[in-house]
Amino acid sequence: MARTSLLSRLLGPRADEHASVRPLWHALVGAAREKSWYADLGVADTLPGRFDAITLVLSLALLRMEHEEALKAPSVLLTELFVTDMDGQLRETGVGDMVVGKHIGRLMSVLGGRIGAYRSALQQADDAALAEALTRNMTMNEGTETAGLAAAVRALFQRLESLPASTLLAGEI
């Protein structure tokens, strides 16, 4: 039998404020962990490479969400889930309480920069700017060209763009 803390019993159960975007978050993390990113497209299967893949896929989803008023509030919740997940990951790797906030600030800055780079690159008709943005922002296996990755990223972004808001939030990507 699971035991609950005294505080939990006194305050009662908390509502999951992120419940509406949790399916999308899990789908995005799952998409970022697909083997093809690493085995076929050259993303390094390392901690930095996996972080880059997650921020890439999250960036694409957030870019999709910024175009629709109904998705603006969920995009904030999705970003909060990213912060929560990264906070947990940092703590698991031994980062102490005193510096977690500093690391989270840097990670948010990285995410914001990548969103800007990918937004600009995806507005171009060809994939040259996107390949360049990926070269700057992704941890790749040595000697890997980013042209194939750029094509896959554009295809994923187009798929996300084509989804109705309800389908996206349900995590059916």
N, C-alpha and C. Protein backbone atom coordinates (compact mmCIF):
# COMPACT_ATOMS: atom_id res chain seq x y z
N MET A 1 0.85 -1.18 0.00
CA MET A 1 0.00 0.00 0.00
C MET A 1 0.89 1.24 0.00
N ALA A 2 0.62 2.15 -0.91
CA ALA A 2 1.42 3.37 -1.02
C ALA A 2 1.07 4.30 0.15
N ARG A 3 2.10 4.88 0.72
CA ARG A 3 1.90 5.81 1.83
C ARG A 3 1.96 7.22 1.29
N THR A 4 1.11 8.07 1.80
CA THR A 4 1.14 9.47 1.42
C THR A 4 1.70 10.28 2.56
N SER A 5 2.33 11.37 2.24
CA SER A 5 2.93 12.21 3.27
C SER A 5 1.84 12.95 4.05
N LEU A 6 2.21 13.39 5.23
CA LEU A 6 1.29 14.16 6.07
C LEU A 6 0.84 15.42 5.34
N LEU A 7 1.78 16.07 4.68
CA LEU A 7 1.44 17.29 3.95
C LEU A 7 0.43 17.00 2.84
N SER A 8 0.64 15.91 2.11
CA SER A 8 -0.29 15.53 1.04
C SER A 8 -1.68 15.25 1.60
N ARG A 9 -1.72 14.58 2.75
CA ARG A 9 -3.02 14.27 3.35
C ARG A 9 -3.72 15.53 3.85
N LEU A 10 -2.95 16.48 4.36
CA LEU A 10 -3.55 17.72 4.87
C LEU A 10 -4.04 18.62 3.75
N LEU A 11 -3.25 18.73 2.69
CA LEU A 11 -3.60 19.63 1.59
C LEU A 11 -4.46 18.99 0.53
N GLY A 12 -4.52 17.69 0.51
CA GLY A 12 -5.30 16.99 -0.49
C GLY A 12 -4.54 16.85 -1.79
N PRO A 13 -5.10 16.12 -2.73
CA PRO A 13 -4.41 15.90 -4.01
C PRO A 13 -4.34 17.19 -4.82
N ARG A 14 -3.22 17.36 -5.51
CA ARG A 14 -3.04 18.52 -6.37
C ARG A 14 -3.46 18.18 -7.79
N ALA A 15 -4.08 19.14 -8.41
CA ALA A 15 -4.43 18.94 -9.82
C ALA A 15 -3.16 19.08 -10.66
N ASP A 16 -3.07 18.31 -11.71
CA ASP A 16 -1.93 18.40 -12.62
C ASP A 16 -2.19 19.53 -13.60
N GLU A 17 -1.56 20.67 -13.35
CA GLU A 17 -1.78 21.83 -14.20
C GLU A 17 -1.25 21.64 -15.62
N HIS A 18 -0.41 20.64 -15.82
CA HIS A 18 0.17 20.36 -17.13
C HIS A 18 -0.51 19.20 -17.85
N ALA A 19 -1.61 18.71 -17.30
CA ALA A 19 -2.27 17.53 -17.86
C ALA A 19 -2.65 17.72 -19.33
N SER A 20 -3.03 18.93 -19.70
CA SER A 20 -3.50 19.16 -21.08
C SER A 20 -2.38 19.03 -22.11
N VAL A 21 -1.13 19.21 -21.70
CA VAL A 21 -0.02 19.12 -22.66
C VAL A 21 0.90 17.92 -22.40
N ARG A 22 0.61 17.17 -21.35
CA ARG A 22 1.46 16.03 -21.04
C ARG A 22 1.52 15.00 -22.19
N PRO A 23 0.39 14.68 -22.85
CA PRO A 23 0.48 13.74 -23.99
C PRO A 23 1.40 14.27 -25.10
N LEU A 24 1.32 15.56 -25.37
CA LEU A 24 2.18 16.14 -26.40
C LEU A 24 3.64 16.08 -25.95
N TRP A 25 3.92 16.41 -24.70
CA TRP A 25 5.29 16.36 -24.20
C TRP A 25 5.88 14.96 -24.36
N HIS A 26 5.11 13.95 -23.96
CA HIS A 26 5.60 12.58 -24.07
C HIS A 26 5.83 12.18 -25.53
N ALA A 27 4.94 12.64 -26.42
CA ALA A 27 5.10 12.34 -27.84
C ALA A 27 6.34 13.03 -28.41
N LEU A 28 6.60 14.27 -27.98
CA LEU A 28 7.77 14.99 -28.47
C LEU A 28 9.06 14.33 -27.98
N VAL A 29 9.10 13.95 -26.73
CA VAL A 29 10.29 13.27 -26.20
C VAL A 29 10.47 11.94 -26.93
N GLY A 30 9.38 11.23 -27.16
CA GLY A 30 9.46 9.97 -27.91
C GLY A 30 9.98 10.19 -29.32
N ALA A 31 9.50 11.24 -29.96
CA ALA A 31 9.96 11.55 -31.32
C ALA A 31 11.45 11.89 -31.32
N ALA A 32 11.90 12.62 -30.30
CA ALA A 32 13.31 12.99 -30.23
C ALA A 32 14.21 11.80 -29.93
N ARG A 33 13.64 10.75 -29.40
CA ARG A 33 14.42 9.55 -29.07
C ARG A 33 14.37 8.49 -30.17
N GLU A 34 13.68 8.78 -31.26
CA GLU A 34 13.62 7.81 -32.36
C GLU A 34 15.02 7.50 -32.87
N LYS A 35 15.27 6.24 -33.11
CA LYS A 35 16.61 5.78 -33.50
C LYS A 35 17.10 6.42 -34.80
N SER A 36 16.20 6.78 -35.68
CA SER A 36 16.62 7.32 -36.98
C SER A 36 17.41 8.62 -36.84
N TRP A 37 17.12 9.45 -35.83
CA TRP A 37 17.89 10.67 -35.62
C TRP A 37 19.37 10.34 -35.45
N TYR A 38 19.63 9.26 -34.74
CA TYR A 38 20.99 8.90 -34.34
C TYR A 38 21.63 7.95 -35.35
N ALA A 39 20.91 6.92 -35.74
CA ALA A 39 21.48 5.89 -36.62
C ALA A 39 21.56 6.34 -38.08
N ASP A 40 20.57 7.09 -38.53
CA ASP A 40 20.50 7.44 -39.95
C ASP A 40 20.89 8.89 -40.26
N LEU A 41 20.60 9.80 -39.33
CA LEU A 41 20.77 11.22 -39.63
C LEU A 41 21.98 11.86 -38.97
N GLY A 42 22.72 11.10 -38.16
CA GLY A 42 24.00 11.57 -37.65
C GLY A 42 24.00 12.35 -36.36
N VAL A 43 22.85 12.47 -35.69
CA VAL A 43 22.85 13.13 -34.38
C VAL A 43 23.64 12.23 -33.43
N ALA A 44 24.53 12.83 -32.67
CA ALA A 44 25.37 12.06 -31.75
C ALA A 44 24.49 11.46 -30.65
N ASP A 45 24.65 10.16 -30.42
CA ASP A 45 23.88 9.48 -29.37
C ASP A 45 24.63 9.64 -28.04
N THR A 46 24.65 10.88 -27.58
CA THR A 46 25.32 11.27 -26.34
C THR A 46 24.33 12.12 -25.55
N LEU A 47 24.66 12.46 -24.34
CA LEU A 47 23.79 13.33 -23.54
C LEU A 47 23.56 14.67 -24.26
N PRO A 48 24.63 15.34 -24.75
CA PRO A 48 24.38 16.60 -25.49
C PRO A 48 23.57 16.38 -26.77
N GLY A 49 23.83 15.28 -27.48
CA GLY A 49 23.09 15.00 -28.70
C GLY A 49 21.61 14.76 -28.43
N ARG A 50 21.31 14.03 -27.36
CA ARG A 50 19.90 13.78 -27.02
C ARG A 50 19.21 15.06 -26.56
N PHE A 51 19.93 15.90 -25.80
CA PHE A 51 19.37 17.20 -25.41
C PHE A 51 19.06 18.02 -26.66
N ASP A 52 20.00 18.03 -27.61
CA ASP A 52 19.80 18.78 -28.86
C ASP A 52 18.59 18.26 -29.62
N ALA A 53 18.40 16.94 -29.65
CA ALA A 53 17.25 16.37 -30.35
C ALA A 53 15.95 16.78 -29.67
N ILE A 54 15.92 16.76 -28.35
CA ILE A 54 14.71 17.17 -27.64
C ILE A 54 14.42 18.65 -27.88
N THR A 55 15.44 19.50 -27.79
CA THR A 55 15.19 20.93 -28.02
C THR A 55 14.79 21.20 -29.47
N LEU A 56 15.32 20.41 -30.39
CA LEU A 56 14.93 20.56 -31.80
C LEU A 56 13.45 20.24 -31.98
N VAL A 57 13.02 19.09 -31.51
CA VAL A 57 11.63 18.67 -31.69
C VAL A 57 10.70 19.60 -30.91
N LEU A 58 11.09 19.98 -29.70
CA LEU A 58 10.28 20.93 -28.92
C LEU A 58 10.19 22.27 -29.64
N SER A 59 11.30 22.74 -30.20
CA SER A 59 11.29 24.00 -30.94
C SER A 59 10.30 23.95 -32.10
N LEU A 60 10.29 22.86 -32.82
CA LEU A 60 9.36 22.72 -33.95
C LEU A 60 7.92 22.78 -33.47
N ALA A 61 7.63 22.11 -32.36
CA ALA A 61 6.27 22.13 -31.82
C ALA A 61 5.89 23.53 -31.36
N LEU A 62 6.80 24.21 -30.68
CA LEU A 62 6.51 25.56 -30.21
C LEU A 62 6.34 26.54 -31.38
N LEU A 63 7.11 26.35 -32.45
CA LEU A 63 6.92 27.17 -33.64
C LEU A 63 5.55 26.93 -34.25
N ARG A 64 5.11 25.68 -34.27
CA ARG A 64 3.78 25.36 -34.76
C ARG A 64 2.72 26.03 -33.89
N MET A 65 2.93 26.00 -32.59
CA MET A 65 1.92 26.51 -31.65
C MET A 65 1.81 28.03 -31.64
N GLU A 66 2.87 28.72 -32.02
CA GLU A 66 2.82 30.19 -31.97
C GLU A 66 1.92 30.79 -33.04
N HIS A 67 1.51 30.01 -34.02
CA HIS A 67 0.67 30.51 -35.11
C HIS A 67 -0.82 30.44 -34.81
N GLU A 68 -1.18 29.88 -33.67
CA GLU A 68 -2.60 29.67 -33.38
C GLU A 68 -2.91 30.15 -31.97
N GLU A 69 -3.84 31.06 -31.88
CA GLU A 69 -4.17 31.68 -30.58
C GLU A 69 -4.56 30.63 -29.54
N ALA A 70 -5.30 29.62 -29.93
CA ALA A 70 -5.74 28.59 -28.98
C ALA A 70 -4.58 27.78 -28.41
N LEU A 71 -3.41 27.85 -29.03
CA LEU A 71 -2.26 27.07 -28.57
C LEU A 71 -1.24 27.90 -27.81
N LYS A 72 -1.50 29.17 -27.63
CA LYS A 72 -0.51 30.02 -26.94
C LYS A 72 -0.38 29.64 -25.47
N ALA A 73 -1.48 29.46 -24.76
CA ALA A 73 -1.41 29.06 -23.34
C ALA A 73 -0.82 27.65 -23.21
N PRO A 74 -1.24 26.69 -24.03
CA PRO A 74 -0.59 25.38 -23.94
C PRO A 74 0.91 25.41 -24.24
N SER A 75 1.35 26.34 -25.08
CA SER A 75 2.78 26.40 -25.36
C SER A 75 3.56 26.83 -24.12
N VAL A 76 2.97 27.66 -23.29
CA VAL A 76 3.61 28.05 -22.02
C VAL A 76 3.70 26.84 -21.10
N LEU A 77 2.62 26.08 -21.02
CA LEU A 77 2.63 24.87 -20.19
C LEU A 77 3.66 23.86 -20.69
N LEU A 78 3.78 23.75 -22.00
CA LEU A 78 4.74 22.82 -22.58
C LEU A 78 6.17 23.25 -22.23
N THR A 79 6.42 24.53 -22.28
CA THR A 79 7.74 25.05 -21.91
C THR A 79 8.01 24.80 -20.43
N GLU A 80 6.99 24.93 -19.58
CA GLU A 80 7.15 24.64 -18.17
C GLU A 80 7.50 23.16 -17.95
N LEU A 81 6.89 22.28 -18.71
CA LEU A 81 7.21 20.85 -18.60
C LEU A 81 8.66 20.60 -19.00
N PHE A 82 9.13 21.27 -20.02
CA PHE A 82 10.54 21.17 -20.42
C PHE A 82 11.44 21.57 -19.26
N VAL A 83 11.13 22.68 -18.62
CA VAL A 83 11.92 23.16 -17.48
C VAL A 83 11.89 22.13 -16.35
N THR A 84 10.72 21.61 -16.05
CA THR A 84 10.58 20.63 -14.98
C THR A 84 11.41 19.39 -15.29
N ASP A 85 11.33 18.92 -16.53
CA ASP A 85 12.08 17.72 -16.93
C ASP A 85 13.58 17.97 -16.86
N MET A 86 14.02 19.12 -17.37
CA MET A 86 15.44 19.43 -17.35
C MET A 86 15.94 19.61 -15.92
N ASP A 87 15.12 20.21 -15.06
CA ASP A 87 15.48 20.35 -13.65
C ASP A 87 15.73 18.97 -13.04
N GLY A 88 14.82 18.04 -13.31
CA GLY A 88 14.98 16.68 -12.80
C GLY A 88 16.22 16.00 -13.36
N GLN A 89 16.46 16.19 -14.65
CA GLN A 89 17.63 15.58 -15.28
C GLN A 89 18.92 16.13 -14.68
N LEU A 90 18.96 17.44 -14.47
CA LEU A 90 20.16 18.05 -13.88
C LEU A 90 20.41 17.50 -12.48
N ARG A 91 19.36 17.39 -11.70
CA ARG A 91 19.51 16.88 -10.33
C ARG A 91 19.98 15.43 -10.34
N GLU A 92 19.47 14.64 -11.29
CA GLU A 92 19.90 13.23 -11.41
C GLU A 92 21.38 13.12 -11.76
N THR A 93 21.89 14.09 -12.50
CA THR A 93 23.31 14.04 -12.87
C THR A 93 24.20 14.66 -11.81
N GLY A 94 23.61 15.07 -10.68
CA GLY A 94 24.40 15.55 -9.56
C GLY A 94 24.54 17.05 -9.43
N VAL A 95 23.83 17.81 -10.24
CA VAL A 95 23.88 19.26 -10.12
C VAL A 95 23.14 19.64 -8.84
N GLY A 96 23.77 20.42 -7.99
CA GLY A 96 23.20 20.78 -6.70
C GLY A 96 22.15 21.87 -6.78
N ASP A 97 21.36 21.95 -5.70
CA ASP A 97 20.27 22.92 -5.62
C ASP A 97 20.73 24.36 -5.86
N MET A 98 21.91 24.68 -5.39
CA MET A 98 22.38 26.06 -5.46
C MET A 98 22.62 26.54 -6.90
N VAL A 99 22.87 25.64 -7.84
CA VAL A 99 23.18 26.07 -9.20
C VAL A 99 22.19 25.57 -10.25
N VAL A 100 21.18 24.82 -9.82
CA VAL A 100 20.20 24.32 -10.80
C VAL A 100 19.54 25.49 -11.54
N GLY A 101 19.15 26.52 -10.81
CA GLY A 101 18.50 27.67 -11.44
C GLY A 101 19.36 28.32 -12.51
N LYS A 102 20.63 28.42 -12.25
CA LYS A 102 21.56 29.01 -13.22
C LYS A 102 21.60 28.15 -14.49
N HIS A 103 21.68 26.83 -14.31
CA HIS A 103 21.69 25.92 -15.46
C HIS A 103 20.38 26.00 -16.24
N ILE A 104 19.26 26.06 -15.53
CA ILE A 104 17.96 26.16 -16.19
C ILE A 104 17.88 27.45 -17.00
N GLY A 105 18.39 28.53 -16.45
CA GLY A 105 18.42 29.80 -17.19
C GLY A 105 19.19 29.68 -18.48
N ARG A 106 20.33 29.00 -18.43
CA ARG A 106 21.13 28.79 -19.65
C ARG A 106 20.39 27.90 -20.65
N LEU A 107 19.74 26.86 -20.14
CA LEU A 107 18.99 25.96 -21.04
C LEU A 107 17.84 26.69 -21.72
N MET A 108 17.17 27.57 -20.99
CA MET A 108 16.08 28.34 -21.58
C MET A 108 16.61 29.31 -22.63
N SER A 109 17.78 29.85 -22.38
CA SER A 109 18.41 30.73 -23.36
C SER A 109 18.76 29.95 -24.63
N VAL A 110 19.27 28.74 -24.44
CA VAL A 110 19.58 27.87 -25.58
C VAL A 110 18.31 27.58 -26.37
N LEU A 111 17.23 27.22 -25.67
CA LEU A 111 15.97 26.92 -26.35
C LEU A 111 15.48 28.13 -27.13
N GLY A 112 15.51 29.29 -26.50
CA GLY A 112 15.06 30.51 -27.20
C GLY A 112 15.89 30.81 -28.43
N GLY A 113 17.19 30.66 -28.32
CA GLY A 113 18.06 30.89 -29.47
C GLY A 113 17.78 29.93 -30.61
N ARG A 114 17.55 28.69 -30.26
CA ARG A 114 17.28 27.68 -31.29
C ARG A 114 15.94 27.90 -31.95
N ILE A 115 14.95 28.28 -31.17
CA ILE A 115 13.64 28.58 -31.76
C ILE A 115 13.80 29.69 -32.80
N GLY A 116 14.55 30.74 -32.45
CA GLY A 116 14.78 31.83 -33.40
C GLY A 116 15.52 31.38 -34.64
N ALA A 117 16.55 30.57 -34.46
CA ALA A 117 17.33 30.09 -35.60
C ALA A 117 16.49 29.20 -36.50
N TYR A 118 15.72 28.30 -35.91
CA TYR A 118 14.91 27.39 -36.72
C TYR A 118 13.74 28.12 -37.38
N ARG A 119 13.15 29.10 -36.68
CA ARG A 119 12.07 29.88 -37.27
C ARG A 119 12.56 30.56 -38.55
N SER A 120 13.69 31.22 -38.45
CA SER A 120 14.25 31.93 -39.59
C SER A 120 14.60 30.96 -40.73
N ALA A 121 15.22 29.85 -40.39
CA ALA A 121 15.64 28.89 -41.41
C ALA A 121 14.46 28.22 -42.10
N LEU A 122 13.42 27.91 -41.34
CA LEU A 122 12.26 27.24 -41.92
C LEU A 122 11.45 28.16 -42.84
N GLN A 123 11.66 29.45 -42.73
CA GLN A 123 10.97 30.40 -43.61
C GLN A 123 11.60 30.44 -45.00
N GLN A 124 12.79 29.89 -45.13
CA GLN A 124 13.48 29.85 -46.42
C GLN A 124 12.91 28.71 -47.27
N ALA A 125 12.92 28.91 -48.57
CA ALA A 125 12.35 27.91 -49.48
C ALA A 125 13.18 26.63 -49.55
N ASP A 126 14.49 26.77 -49.48
CA ASP A 126 15.33 25.57 -49.54
C ASP A 126 15.88 25.25 -48.15
N ASP A 127 16.63 24.16 -48.05
CA ASP A 127 17.10 23.69 -46.76
C ASP A 127 18.51 24.16 -46.40
N ALA A 128 19.12 25.02 -47.21
CA ALA A 128 20.50 25.45 -46.94
C ALA A 128 20.61 26.17 -45.59
N ALA A 129 19.72 27.12 -45.32
CA ALA A 129 19.77 27.85 -44.05
C ALA A 129 19.44 26.93 -42.88
N LEU A 130 18.55 25.99 -43.11
CA LEU A 130 18.19 25.03 -42.05
C LEU A 130 19.38 24.12 -41.75
N ALA A 131 20.04 23.64 -42.78
CA ALA A 131 21.23 22.80 -42.58
C ALA A 131 22.30 23.57 -41.81
N GLU A 132 22.46 24.84 -42.13
CA GLU A 132 23.44 25.67 -41.42
C GLU A 132 23.06 25.85 -39.96
N ALA A 133 21.77 26.11 -39.70
CA ALA A 133 21.30 26.25 -38.31
C ALA A 133 21.50 24.95 -37.54
N LEU A 134 21.26 23.84 -38.19
CA LEU A 134 21.45 22.54 -37.53
C LEU A 134 22.93 22.28 -37.27
N THR A 135 23.79 22.67 -38.18
CA THR A 135 25.23 22.51 -37.99
C THR A 135 25.68 23.27 -36.74
N ARG A 136 25.13 24.47 -36.55
CA ARG A 136 25.51 25.29 -35.39
C ARG A 136 24.91 24.77 -34.09
N ASN A 137 23.74 24.14 -34.15
CA ASN A 137 22.99 23.86 -32.93
C ASN A 137 22.86 22.40 -32.54
N MET A 138 23.32 21.50 -33.36
CA MET A 138 23.17 20.07 -33.05
C MET A 138 24.54 19.44 -32.82
N THR A 139 24.59 18.51 -31.89
CA THR A 139 25.80 17.72 -31.67
C THR A 139 25.71 16.53 -32.62
N MET A 140 26.57 16.53 -33.62
CA MET A 140 26.53 15.52 -34.67
C MET A 140 27.72 14.59 -34.56
N ASN A 141 27.57 13.40 -35.15
CA ASN A 141 28.70 12.49 -35.26
C ASN A 141 29.72 13.13 -36.20
N GLU A 142 30.97 12.88 -35.92
CA GLU A 142 32.04 13.47 -36.72
C GLU A 142 31.87 13.12 -38.20
N GLY A 143 32.02 14.13 -39.05
CA GLY A 143 31.95 13.93 -40.49
C GLY A 143 30.55 13.88 -41.06
N THR A 144 29.53 14.06 -40.25
CA THR A 144 28.15 13.99 -40.73
C THR A 144 27.72 15.32 -41.32
N GLU A 145 27.15 15.27 -42.50
CA GLU A 145 26.55 16.44 -43.13
C GLU A 145 25.13 16.59 -42.61
N THR A 146 24.63 17.80 -42.53
CA THR A 146 23.29 18.02 -41.97
C THR A 146 22.19 18.14 -43.03
N ALA A 147 22.50 17.90 -44.29
CA ALA A 147 21.48 18.03 -45.34
C ALA A 147 20.34 17.04 -45.13
N GLY A 148 20.66 15.81 -44.83
CA GLY A 148 19.61 14.81 -44.58
C GLY A 148 18.79 15.13 -43.35
N LEU A 149 19.48 15.60 -42.31
CA LEU A 149 18.78 16.02 -41.10
C LEU A 149 17.85 17.19 -41.40
N ALA A 150 18.32 18.13 -42.20
CA ALA A 150 17.49 19.29 -42.55
C ALA A 150 16.21 18.87 -43.25
N ALA A 151 16.32 17.92 -44.17
CA ALA A 151 15.14 17.43 -44.88
C ALA A 151 14.16 16.76 -43.91
N ALA A 152 14.68 15.98 -42.97
CA ALA A 152 13.83 15.30 -41.99
C ALA A 152 13.18 16.31 -41.05
N VAL A 153 13.91 17.34 -40.67
CA VAL A 153 13.37 18.38 -39.78
C VAL A 153 12.26 19.14 -40.49
N ARG A 154 12.48 19.50 -41.75
CA ARG A 154 11.43 20.21 -42.49
C ARG A 154 10.19 19.34 -42.64
N ALA A 155 10.37 18.06 -42.90
CA ALA A 155 9.23 17.15 -43.03
C ALA A 155 8.46 17.06 -41.71
N LEU A 156 9.17 16.96 -40.59
CA LEU A 156 8.50 16.91 -39.29
C LEU A 156 7.76 18.21 -39.02
N PHE A 157 8.38 19.34 -39.33
CA PHE A 157 7.72 20.62 -39.12
C PHE A 157 6.46 20.72 -39.98
N GLN A 158 6.53 20.30 -41.22
CA GLN A 158 5.35 20.34 -42.09
C GLN A 158 4.25 19.44 -41.56
N ARG A 159 4.64 18.29 -41.01
CA ARG A 159 3.64 17.39 -40.42
C ARG A 159 2.99 18.06 -39.21
N LEU A 160 3.78 18.69 -38.36
CA LEU A 160 3.22 19.39 -37.19
C LEU A 160 2.31 20.53 -37.63
N GLU A 161 2.71 21.26 -38.66
CA GLU A 161 1.91 22.38 -39.17
C GLU A 161 0.55 21.91 -39.70
N SER A 162 0.50 20.69 -40.21
CA SER A 162 -0.74 20.19 -40.81
C SER A 162 -1.73 19.66 -39.78
N LEU A 163 -1.30 19.49 -38.55
CA LEU A 163 -2.16 18.89 -37.54
C LEU A 163 -3.12 19.91 -36.94
N PRO A 164 -4.37 19.50 -36.75
CA PRO A 164 -5.28 20.36 -35.98
C PRO A 164 -4.78 20.47 -34.53
N ALA A 165 -5.14 21.55 -33.87
CA ALA A 165 -4.68 21.79 -32.49
C ALA A 165 -5.02 20.62 -31.57
N SER A 166 -6.22 20.09 -31.68
CA SER A 166 -6.63 18.99 -30.78
C SER A 166 -5.78 17.75 -30.99
N THR A 167 -5.42 17.47 -32.23
CA THR A 167 -4.59 16.31 -32.54
C THR A 167 -3.18 16.51 -32.00
N LEU A 168 -2.66 17.71 -32.17
CA LEU A 168 -1.34 18.04 -31.65
C LEU A 168 -1.30 17.88 -30.13
N LEU A 169 -2.26 18.48 -29.43
CA LEU A 169 -2.29 18.42 -27.97
C LEU A 169 -2.49 16.98 -27.46
N ALA A 170 -3.14 16.16 -28.27
CA ALA A 170 -3.33 14.76 -27.88
C ALA A 170 -2.05 13.96 -28.06
N GLY A 171 -1.03 14.59 -28.65
CA GLY A 171 0.24 13.91 -28.84
C GLY A 171 0.24 12.96 -30.03
N GLU A 172 -0.67 13.17 -30.93
CA GLU A 172 -0.75 12.31 -32.12
C GLU A 172 0.04 12.93 -33.26
N ILE A 173 1.37 12.85 -33.09
CA ILE A 173 2.22 13.46 -34.09
C ILE A 173 2.83 12.39 -34.98
